[in-house]
Amino acid sequence: MPRLPGVNHQSALRAFRKAGFRVVRQGKHIILAKEGLMLSVPRGNPIDAVTMGGIIADAGMTIEHFKKLL
């Protein structure tokens, strides 16, 4: 699995929006949705690499694809 350094939550949101996700609600976590998939992105800066890797996997994306969207 390729390395994924910590990512700012705002950069992650931009990347997920490019992938077709939309913001459903915001609080301590930002909830995104797309075609039945729900993601929860914490408002951390930076988001831990392991946590971000799990969110990317839940989105059905690869880390390489996510990096291209950043």
PDB file of N, CA and C in Angstrom:
ATOM      1  N   MET A   1       0.853  -1.180   0.000  1.00  0.00           N
ATOM      2  CA  MET A   1       0.000   0.000   0.000  1.00  0.00           C
ATOM      3  C   MET A   1       0.892   1.234   0.000  1.00  0.00           C
ATOM      4  N   PRO A   2       0.695   2.155  -0.944  1.00  0.00           N
ATOM      5  CA  PRO A   2       1.525   3.353  -1.026  1.00  0.00           C
ATOM      6  C   PRO A   2       1.318   4.249   0.197  1.00  0.00           C
ATOM      7  N   ARG A   3       2.328   5.026   0.486  1.00  0.00           N
ATOM      8  CA  ARG A   3       2.266   5.937   1.622  1.00  0.00           C
ATOM      9  C   ARG A   3       1.316   7.099   1.311  1.00  0.00           C
ATOM     10  N   LEU A   4       0.582   7.502   2.334  1.00  0.00           N
ATOM     11  CA  LEU A   4      -0.310   8.651   2.212  1.00  0.00           C
ATOM     12  C   LEU A   4      -0.025   9.564   3.399  1.00  0.00           C
ATOM     13  N   PRO A   5       0.651  10.678   3.171  1.00  0.00           N
ATOM     14  CA  PRO A   5       0.918  11.574   4.289  1.00  0.00           C
ATOM     15  C   PRO A   5      -0.383  12.173   4.804  1.00  0.00           C
ATOM     16  N   GLY A   6      -0.349  12.746   5.998  1.00  0.00           N
ATOM     17  CA  GLY A   6      -1.533  13.397   6.545  1.00  0.00           C
ATOM     18  C   GLY A   6      -2.082  14.425   5.574  1.00  0.00           C
ATOM     19  N   VAL A   7      -3.389  14.496   5.458  1.00  0.00           N
ATOM     20  CA  VAL A   7      -4.056  15.380   4.506  1.00  0.00           C
ATOM     21  C   VAL A   7      -4.945  16.350   5.279  1.00  0.00           C
ATOM     22  N   ASN A   8      -4.944  17.592   4.887  1.00  0.00           N
ATOM     23  CA  ASN A   8      -5.824  18.601   5.450  1.00  0.00           C
ATOM     24  C   ASN A   8      -7.267  18.233   5.105  1.00  0.00           C
ATOM     25  N   HIS A   9      -8.218  18.401   6.037  1.00  0.00           N
ATOM     26  CA  HIS A   9      -9.601  17.991   5.775  1.00  0.00           C
ATOM     27  C   HIS A   9     -10.233  18.781   4.630  1.00  0.00           C
ATOM     28  N   GLN A  10      -9.816  20.027   4.439  1.00  0.00           N
ATOM     29  CA  GLN A  10     -10.372  20.822   3.340  1.00  0.00           C
ATOM     30  C   GLN A  10      -9.906  20.298   1.984  1.00  0.00           C
ATOM     31  N   SER A  11      -8.664  19.866   1.905  1.00  0.00           N
ATOM     32  CA  SER A  11      -8.150  19.272   0.663  1.00  0.00           C
ATOM     33  C   SER A  11      -8.862  17.956   0.377  1.00  0.00           C
ATOM     34  N   ALA A  12      -9.087  17.175   1.426  1.00  0.00           N
ATOM     35  CA  ALA A  12      -9.795  15.906   1.262  1.00  0.00           C
ATOM     36  C   ALA A  12     -11.211  16.146   0.753  1.00  0.00           C
ATOM     37  N   LEU A  13     -11.893  17.156   1.297  1.00  0.00           N
ATOM     38  CA  LEU A  13     -13.256  17.469   0.843  1.00  0.00           C
ATOM     39  C   LEU A  13     -13.270  17.839  -0.634  1.00  0.00           C
ATOM     40  N   ARG A  14     -12.312  18.657  -1.057  1.00  0.00           N
ATOM     41  CA  ARG A  14     -12.245  19.038  -2.475  1.00  0.00           C
ATOM     42  C   ARG A  14     -12.074  17.800  -3.350  1.00  0.00           C
ATOM     43  N   ALA A  15     -11.197  16.887  -2.937  1.00  0.00           N
ATOM     44  CA  ALA A  15     -10.951  15.669  -3.716  1.00  0.00           C
ATOM     45  C   ALA A  15     -12.204  14.799  -3.784  1.00  0.00           C
ATOM     46  N   PHE A  16     -12.900  14.640  -2.655  1.00  0.00           N
ATOM     47  CA  PHE A  16     -14.115  13.818  -2.663  1.00  0.00           C
ATOM     48  C   PHE A  16     -15.218  14.476  -3.490  1.00  0.00           C
ATOM     49  N   ARG A  17     -15.301  15.795  -3.481  1.00  0.00           N
ATOM     50  CA  ARG A  17     -16.296  16.484  -4.322  1.00  0.00           C
ATOM     51  C   ARG A  17     -15.995  16.263  -5.800  1.00  0.00           C
ATOM     52  N   LYS A  18     -14.715  16.290  -6.167  1.00  0.00           N
ATOM     53  CA  LYS A  18     -14.335  15.999  -7.560  1.00  0.00           C
ATOM     54  C   LYS A  18     -14.742  14.588  -7.952  1.00  0.00           C
ATOM     55  N   ALA A  19     -14.756  13.682  -6.967  1.00  0.00           N
ATOM     56  CA  ALA A  19     -15.125  12.283  -7.216  1.00  0.00           C
ATOM     57  C   ALA A  19     -16.635  12.086  -7.230  1.00  0.00           C
ATOM     58  N   GLY A  20     -17.404  13.154  -6.994  1.00  0.00           N
ATOM     59  CA  GLY A  20     -18.849  13.058  -7.081  1.00  0.00           C
ATOM     60  C   GLY A  20     -19.585  13.008  -5.754  1.00  0.00           C
ATOM     61  N   PHE A  21     -18.883  13.096  -4.645  1.00  0.00           N
ATOM     62  CA  PHE A  21     -19.539  13.110  -3.335  1.00  0.00           C
ATOM     63  C   PHE A  21     -20.088  14.504  -3.054  1.00  0.00           C
ATOM     64  N   ARG A  22     -21.143  14.553  -2.238  1.00  0.00           N
ATOM     65  CA  ARG A  22     -21.701  15.849  -1.839  1.00  0.00           C
ATOM     66  C   ARG A  22     -21.823  15.879  -0.327  1.00  0.00           C
ATOM     67  N   VAL A  23     -21.734  17.090   0.227  1.00  0.00           N
ATOM     68  CA  VAL A  23     -21.824  17.254   1.675  1.00  0.00           C
ATOM     69  C   VAL A  23     -23.277  17.127   2.098  1.00  0.00           C
ATOM     70  N   VAL A  24     -23.544  16.254   3.070  1.00  0.00           N
ATOM     71  CA  VAL A  24     -24.884  16.039   3.595  1.00  0.00           C
ATOM     72  C   VAL A  24     -25.091  16.891   4.841  1.00  0.00           C
ATOM     73  N   ARG A  25     -24.115  16.846   5.762  1.00  0.00           N
ATOM     74  CA  ARG A  25     -24.184  17.682   6.958  1.00  0.00           C
ATOM     75  C   ARG A  25     -22.785  17.872   7.523  1.00  0.00           C
ATOM     76  N   GLN A  26     -22.666  18.896   8.387  1.00  0.00           N
ATOM     77  CA  GLN A  26     -21.377  19.228   8.968  1.00  0.00           C
ATOM     78  C   GLN A  26     -21.507  19.425  10.470  1.00  0.00           C
ATOM     79  N   GLY A  27     -20.508  19.037  11.182  1.00  0.00           N
ATOM     80  CA  GLY A  27     -20.415  19.193  12.623  1.00  0.00           C
ATOM     81  C   GLY A  27     -18.966  18.955  12.971  1.00  0.00           C
ATOM     82  N   LYS A  28     -18.696  18.125  13.981  1.00  0.00           N
ATOM     83  CA  LYS A  28     -17.310  17.751  14.277  1.00  0.00           C
ATOM     84  C   LYS A  28     -16.732  16.917  13.144  1.00  0.00           C
ATOM     85  N   HIS A  29     -17.602  16.210  12.442  1.00  0.00           N
ATOM     86  CA  HIS A  29     -17.237  15.447  11.248  1.00  0.00           C
ATOM     87  C   HIS A  29     -18.082  15.960  10.092  1.00  0.00           C
ATOM     88  N   ILE A  30     -17.566  15.825   8.886  1.00  0.00           N
ATOM     89  CA  ILE A  30     -18.299  16.207   7.689  1.00  0.00           C
ATOM     90  C   ILE A  30     -18.779  14.919   7.042  1.00  0.00           C
ATOM     91  N   ILE A  31     -20.088  14.832   6.807  1.00  0.00           N
ATOM     92  CA  ILE A  31     -20.692  13.632   6.234  1.00  0.00           C
ATOM     93  C   ILE A  31     -20.900  13.869   4.741  1.00  0.00           C
ATOM     94  N   LEU A  32     -20.377  12.963   3.939  1.00  0.00           N
ATOM     95  CA  LEU A  32     -20.489  13.035   2.483  1.00  0.00           C
ATOM     96  C   LEU A  32     -21.268  11.826   1.988  1.00  0.00           C
ATOM     97  N   ALA A  33     -21.974  11.995   0.871  1.00  0.00           N
ATOM     98  CA  ALA A  33     -22.754  10.891   0.316  1.00  0.00           C
ATOM     99  C   ALA A  33     -22.619  10.858  -1.203  1.00  0.00           C
ATOM    100  N   LYS A  34     -22.724   9.636  -1.729  1.00  0.00           N
ATOM    101  CA  LYS A  34     -22.722   9.420  -3.185  1.00  0.00           C
ATOM    102  C   LYS A  34     -23.275   8.029  -3.443  1.00  0.00           C
ATOM    103  N   GLU A  35     -24.364   7.933  -4.157  1.00  0.00           N
ATOM    104  CA  GLU A  35     -24.929   6.659  -4.602  1.00  0.00           C
ATOM    105  C   GLU A  35     -24.960   5.598  -3.496  1.00  0.00           C
ATOM    106  N   GLY A  36     -25.498   5.927  -2.364  1.00  0.00           N
ATOM    107  CA  GLY A  36     -25.628   4.966  -1.281  1.00  0.00           C
ATOM    108  C   GLY A  36     -24.416   4.852  -0.371  1.00  0.00           C
ATOM    109  N   LEU A  37     -23.304   5.459  -0.735  1.00  0.00           N
ATOM    110  CA  LEU A  37     -22.113   5.451   0.114  1.00  0.00           C
ATOM    111  C   LEU A  37     -22.142   6.666   1.036  1.00  0.00           C
ATOM    112  N   MET A  38     -21.778   6.462   2.295  1.00  0.00           N
ATOM    113  CA  MET A  38     -21.692   7.559   3.259  1.00  0.00           C
ATOM    114  C   MET A  38     -20.277   7.569   3.822  1.00  0.00           C
ATOM    115  N   LEU A  39     -19.660   8.758   3.852  1.00  0.00           N
ATOM    116  CA  LEU A  39     -18.322   8.912   4.408  1.00  0.00           C
ATOM    117  C   LEU A  39     -18.370   9.918   5.543  1.00  0.00           C
ATOM    118  N   SER A  40     -17.549   9.709   6.536  1.00  0.00           N
ATOM    119  CA  SER A  40     -17.421  10.627   7.652  1.00  0.00           C
ATOM    120  C   SER A  40     -15.972  11.097   7.691  1.00  0.00           C
ATOM    121  N   VAL A  41     -15.752  12.399   7.433  1.00  0.00           N
ATOM    122  CA  VAL A  41     -14.409  12.969   7.404  1.00  0.00           C
ATOM    123  C   VAL A  41     -14.242  13.863   8.631  1.00  0.00           C
ATOM    124  N   PRO A  42     -13.273  13.551   9.511  1.00  0.00           N
ATOM    125  CA  PRO A  42     -13.077  14.394  10.690  1.00  0.00           C
ATOM    126  C   PRO A  42     -12.483  15.741  10.304  1.00  0.00           C
ATOM    127  N   ARG A  43     -12.755  16.752  11.117  1.00  0.00           N
ATOM    128  CA  ARG A  43     -12.210  18.082  10.868  1.00  0.00           C
ATOM    129  C   ARG A  43     -10.827  18.226  11.492  1.00  0.00           C
ATOM    130  N   GLY A  44      -9.953  17.300  11.236  1.00  0.00           N
ATOM    131  CA  GLY A  44      -8.605  17.352  11.777  1.00  0.00           C
ATOM    132  C   GLY A  44      -7.636  17.913  10.759  1.00  0.00           C
ATOM    133  N   ASN A  45      -6.609  18.570  11.244  1.00  0.00           N
ATOM    134  CA  ASN A  45      -5.577  19.078  10.346  1.00  0.00           C
ATOM    135  C   ASN A  45      -4.227  18.727  10.910  1.00  0.00           C
ATOM    136  N   PRO A  46      -3.511  17.820  10.322  1.00  0.00           N
ATOM    137  CA  PRO A  46      -3.922  16.959   9.222  1.00  0.00           C
ATOM    138  C   PRO A  46      -4.666  15.723   9.743  1.00  0.00           C
ATOM    139  N   ILE A  47      -5.407  15.096   8.847  1.00  0.00           N
ATOM    140  CA  ILE A  47      -6.066  13.839   9.172  1.00  0.00           C
ATOM    141  C   ILE A  47      -4.986  12.759   9.153  1.00  0.00           C
ATOM    142  N   ASP A  48      -4.959  11.932  10.158  1.00  0.00           N
ATOM    143  CA  ASP A  48      -3.988  10.843  10.280  1.00  0.00           C
ATOM    144  C   ASP A  48      -3.994   9.990   9.003  1.00  0.00           C
ATOM    145  N   ALA A  49      -2.813   9.558   8.573  1.00  0.00           N
ATOM    146  CA  ALA A  49      -2.678   8.787   7.326  1.00  0.00           C
ATOM    147  C   ALA A  49      -3.467   7.487   7.357  1.00  0.00           C
ATOM    148  N   VAL A  50      -3.495   6.802   8.498  1.00  0.00           N
ATOM    149  CA  VAL A  50      -4.236   5.539   8.602  1.00  0.00           C
ATOM    150  C   VAL A  50      -5.740   5.799   8.499  1.00  0.00           C
ATOM    151  N   THR A  51      -6.212   6.837   9.171  1.00  0.00           N
ATOM    152  CA  THR A  51      -7.628   7.205   9.103  1.00  0.00           C
ATOM    153  C   THR A  51      -8.007   7.586   7.685  1.00  0.00           C
ATOM    154  N   MET A  52      -7.171   8.392   7.040  1.00  0.00           N
ATOM    155  CA  MET A  52      -7.464   8.829   5.667  1.00  0.00           C
ATOM    156  C   MET A  52      -7.478   7.636   4.722  1.00  0.00           C
ATOM    157  N   GLY A  53      -6.575   6.689   4.914  1.00  0.00           N
ATOM    158  CA  GLY A  53      -6.559   5.481   4.085  1.00  0.00           C
ATOM    159  C   GLY A  53      -7.847   4.685   4.228  1.00  0.00           C
ATOM    160  N   GLY A  54      -8.381   4.607   5.439  1.00  0.00           N
ATOM    161  CA  GLY A  54      -9.644   3.908   5.670  1.00  0.00           C
ATOM    162  C   GLY A  54     -10.811   4.599   5.005  1.00  0.00           C
ATOM    163  N   ILE A  55     -10.826   5.940   5.059  1.00  0.00           N
ATOM    164  CA  ILE A  55     -11.903   6.709   4.425  1.00  0.00           C
ATOM    165  C   ILE A  55     -11.859   6.523   2.910  1.00  0.00           C
ATOM    166  N   ILE A  56     -10.656   6.551   2.358  1.00  0.00           N
ATOM    167  CA  ILE A  56     -10.502   6.354   0.907  1.00  0.00           C
ATOM    168  C   ILE A  56     -10.982   4.965   0.504  1.00  0.00           C
ATOM    169  N   ALA A  57     -10.652   3.959   1.292  1.00  0.00           N
ATOM    170  CA  ALA A  57     -11.102   2.588   1.000  1.00  0.00           C
ATOM    171  C   ALA A  57     -12.628   2.500   1.089  1.00  0.00           C
ATOM    172  N   ASP A  58     -13.232   3.153   2.097  1.00  0.00           N
ATOM    173  CA  ASP A  58     -14.690   3.161   2.227  1.00  0.00           C
ATOM    174  C   ASP A  58     -15.355   3.829   1.023  1.00  0.00           C
ATOM    175  N   ALA A  59     -14.650   4.787   0.418  1.00  0.00           N
ATOM    176  CA  ALA A  59     -15.182   5.479  -0.753  1.00  0.00           C
ATOM    177  C   ALA A  59     -15.053   4.634  -2.021  1.00  0.00           C
ATOM    178  N   GLY A  60     -14.355   3.505  -1.922  1.00  0.00           N
ATOM    179  CA  GLY A  60     -14.181   2.644  -3.088  1.00  0.00           C
ATOM    180  C   GLY A  60     -13.124   3.168  -4.047  1.00  0.00           C
ATOM    181  N   MET A  61     -12.174   3.930  -3.524  1.00  0.00           N
ATOM    182  CA  MET A  61     -11.121   4.528  -4.349  1.00  0.00           C
ATOM    183  C   MET A  61      -9.774   3.926  -3.950  1.00  0.00           C
ATOM    184  N   THR A  62      -8.800   4.087  -4.817  1.00  0.00           N
ATOM    185  CA  THR A  62      -7.431   3.719  -4.477  1.00  0.00           C
ATOM    186  C   THR A  62      -6.709   4.985  -4.018  1.00  0.00           C
ATOM    187  N   ILE A  63      -5.610   4.794  -3.320  1.00  0.00           N
ATOM    188  CA  ILE A  63      -4.838   5.947  -2.854  1.00  0.00           C
ATOM    189  C   ILE A  63      -4.272   6.717  -4.037  1.00  0.00           C
ATOM    190  N   GLU A  64      -3.865   6.014  -5.093  1.00  0.00           N
ATOM    191  CA  GLU A  64      -3.332   6.693  -6.283  1.00  0.00           C
ATOM    192  C   GLU A  64      -4.392   7.591  -6.914  1.00  0.00           C
ATOM    193  N   HIS A  65      -5.620   7.081  -7.013  1.00  0.00           N
ATOM    194  CA  HIS A  65      -6.703   7.865  -7.580  1.00  0.00           C
ATOM    195  C   HIS A  65      -7.008   9.087  -6.715  1.00  0.00           C
ATOM    196  N   PHE A  66      -7.015   8.900  -5.395  1.00  0.00           N
ATOM    197  CA  PHE A  66      -7.265  10.002  -4.479  1.00  0.00           C
ATOM    198  C   PHE A  66      -6.177  11.079  -4.610  1.00  0.00           C
ATOM    199  N   LYS A  67      -4.911  10.647  -4.713  1.00  0.00           N
ATOM    200  CA  LYS A  67      -3.804  11.612  -4.851  1.00  0.00           C
ATOM    201  C   LYS A  67      -3.947  12.434  -6.124  1.00  0.00           C
ATOM    202  N   LYS A  68      -4.442  11.825  -7.200  1.00  0.00           N
ATOM    203  CA  LYS A  68      -4.656  12.562  -8.450  1.00  0.00           C
ATOM    204  C   LYS A  68      -5.735  13.632  -8.286  1.00  0.00           C
ATOM    205  N   LEU A  69      -6.711  13.369  -7.432  1.00  0.00           N
ATOM    206  CA  LEU A  69      -7.795  14.331  -7.213  1.00  0.00           C
ATOM    207  C   LEU A  69      -7.400  15.470  -6.294  1.00  0.00           C
ATOM    208  N   LEU A  70      -6.323  15.284  -5.519  1.00  0.00           N
ATOM    209  CA  LEU A  70      -5.873  16.340  -4.607  1.00  0.00           C
ATOM    210  C   LEU A  70      -5.371  17.517  -5.365  1.00  0.00           C
TER     211      LEU A  70
END
